[in-house]
């Protein structure tokens, strides 16, 4: 199984990920960006095609490392892939 770094390195070199900037915060995405990201992820995970090329939604679609790379690429499009190790603050409790 590939690590996140290995997947990221296979997609592109580090300088290109997120345009060299820090990873964007999800809450900074616009509503249209969120819709597009969810649409892309949903299609990558569940949209399939039969032998004739007819597309259909498949809840049992099988995934491999190629799909992980595709998911990372979709997130990279919106600068949602970390460019470096980043500490995150603990989750606040309510």
Protein backbone atom coordinates (compact mmCIF):
# COMPACT_ATOMS: atom_id res chain seq x y z
CA UNK A 1 0.00 0.00 0.00
CA UNK A 2 1.30 3.45 -0.90
CA UNK A 3 1.73 6.21 1.64
CA UNK A 4 0.19 9.63 1.09
CA UNK A 5 3.63 10.99 0.23
CA UNK A 6 4.23 8.27 -2.34
CA UNK A 7 0.87 8.95 -3.95
CA UNK A 8 1.51 12.68 -3.95
CA UNK A 9 4.98 12.20 -5.44
CA UNK A 10 3.54 10.04 -8.20
CA UNK A 11 1.02 12.75 -9.10
CA UNK A 12 3.39 15.70 -9.33
CA UNK A 13 6.52 17.13 -7.81
CA UNK A 14 6.22 18.95 -4.48
CA UNK A 15 6.69 22.43 -5.95
CA UNK A 16 3.50 22.15 -8.02
CA UNK A 17 1.17 20.88 -5.30
CA UNK A 18 -1.18 23.63 -4.28
CA UNK A 19 0.87 26.12 -6.26
CA UNK A 20 3.59 26.02 -3.60
CA UNK A 21 1.23 27.53 -1.03
CA UNK A 22 -0.06 26.07 2.20
CA UNK A 23 -3.05 23.79 2.00
CA UNK A 24 -6.35 25.66 1.86
CA UNK A 25 -8.81 25.36 4.69
CA UNK A 26 -12.03 23.61 3.74
CA UNK A 27 -14.06 26.43 5.27
CA UNK A 28 -12.42 28.86 2.80
CA UNK A 29 -13.87 27.03 -0.22
CA UNK A 30 -16.79 28.59 -2.02
CA UNK A 31 -20.09 26.77 -2.35
CA UNK A 32 -19.52 26.14 -6.09
CA UNK A 33 -16.05 24.72 -5.33
CA UNK A 34 -17.48 22.40 -2.68
CA UNK A 35 -20.14 21.17 -5.10
CA UNK A 36 -17.56 20.50 -7.80
CA UNK A 37 -15.22 18.66 -5.41
CA UNK A 38 -18.01 16.46 -4.07
CA UNK A 39 -19.20 15.74 -7.61
CA UNK A 40 -15.68 14.72 -8.69
CA UNK A 41 -15.14 12.50 -5.64
CA UNK A 42 -18.57 10.87 -6.05
CA UNK A 43 -17.90 10.12 -9.72
CA UNK A 44 -14.41 8.75 -9.01
CA UNK A 45 -15.72 6.48 -6.27
CA UNK A 46 -19.01 5.25 -7.72
CA UNK A 47 -19.46 6.05 -11.42
CA UNK A 48 -18.75 2.95 -13.49
CA UNK A 49 -19.28 1.79 -17.06
CA UNK A 50 -20.20 -1.51 -18.62
CA UNK A 51 -18.50 -3.20 -21.59
CA UNK A 52 -20.53 -1.14 -24.05
CA UNK A 53 -19.44 2.10 -22.36
CA UNK A 54 -22.82 2.84 -20.76
CA UNK A 55 -22.24 4.65 -17.46
CA UNK A 56 -24.03 3.77 -14.22
CA UNK A 57 -23.76 4.34 -10.47
CA UNK A 58 -22.18 1.33 -8.79
CA UNK A 59 -22.22 1.15 -4.97
CA UNK A 60 -19.93 -1.91 -5.18
CA UNK A 61 -17.30 -0.40 -7.48
CA UNK A 62 -13.84 -1.71 -6.64
CA UNK A 63 -10.97 0.70 -5.95
CA UNK A 64 -7.22 0.36 -6.15
CA UNK A 65 -4.24 2.70 -5.72
CA UNK A 66 -5.08 4.33 -9.07
CA UNK A 67 -8.31 5.58 -7.50
CA UNK A 68 -6.41 6.97 -4.52
CA UNK A 69 -4.21 8.89 -6.93
CA UNK A 70 -7.30 10.20 -8.71
CA UNK A 71 -8.83 11.32 -5.41
CA UNK A 72 -5.61 13.09 -4.43
CA UNK A 73 -5.48 14.78 -7.84
CA UNK A 74 -9.07 16.00 -7.45
CA UNK A 75 -8.20 17.50 -4.06
CA UNK A 76 -4.97 18.95 -5.43
CA UNK A 77 -6.98 20.92 -8.01
CA UNK A 78 -8.34 23.01 -5.14
CA UNK A 79 -5.07 23.18 -3.14
CA UNK A 80 -6.41 20.72 -0.57
CA UNK A 81 -3.26 18.57 -0.51
CA UNK A 82 -0.67 19.40 2.17
CA UNK A 83 2.69 20.53 0.83
CA UNK A 84 4.50 19.84 4.10
CA UNK A 85 3.91 18.20 7.46
CA UNK A 86 1.58 20.50 9.37
CA UNK A 87 0.46 20.24 12.95
CA UNK A 88 -3.23 20.77 13.50
CA UNK A 89 -4.81 22.09 16.68
CA UNK A 90 -6.81 19.63 18.76
CA UNK A 91 -10.53 19.46 18.08
CA UNK A 92 -12.50 21.69 20.39
CA UNK A 93 -15.05 20.03 22.60
CA UNK A 94 -18.51 21.48 23.02
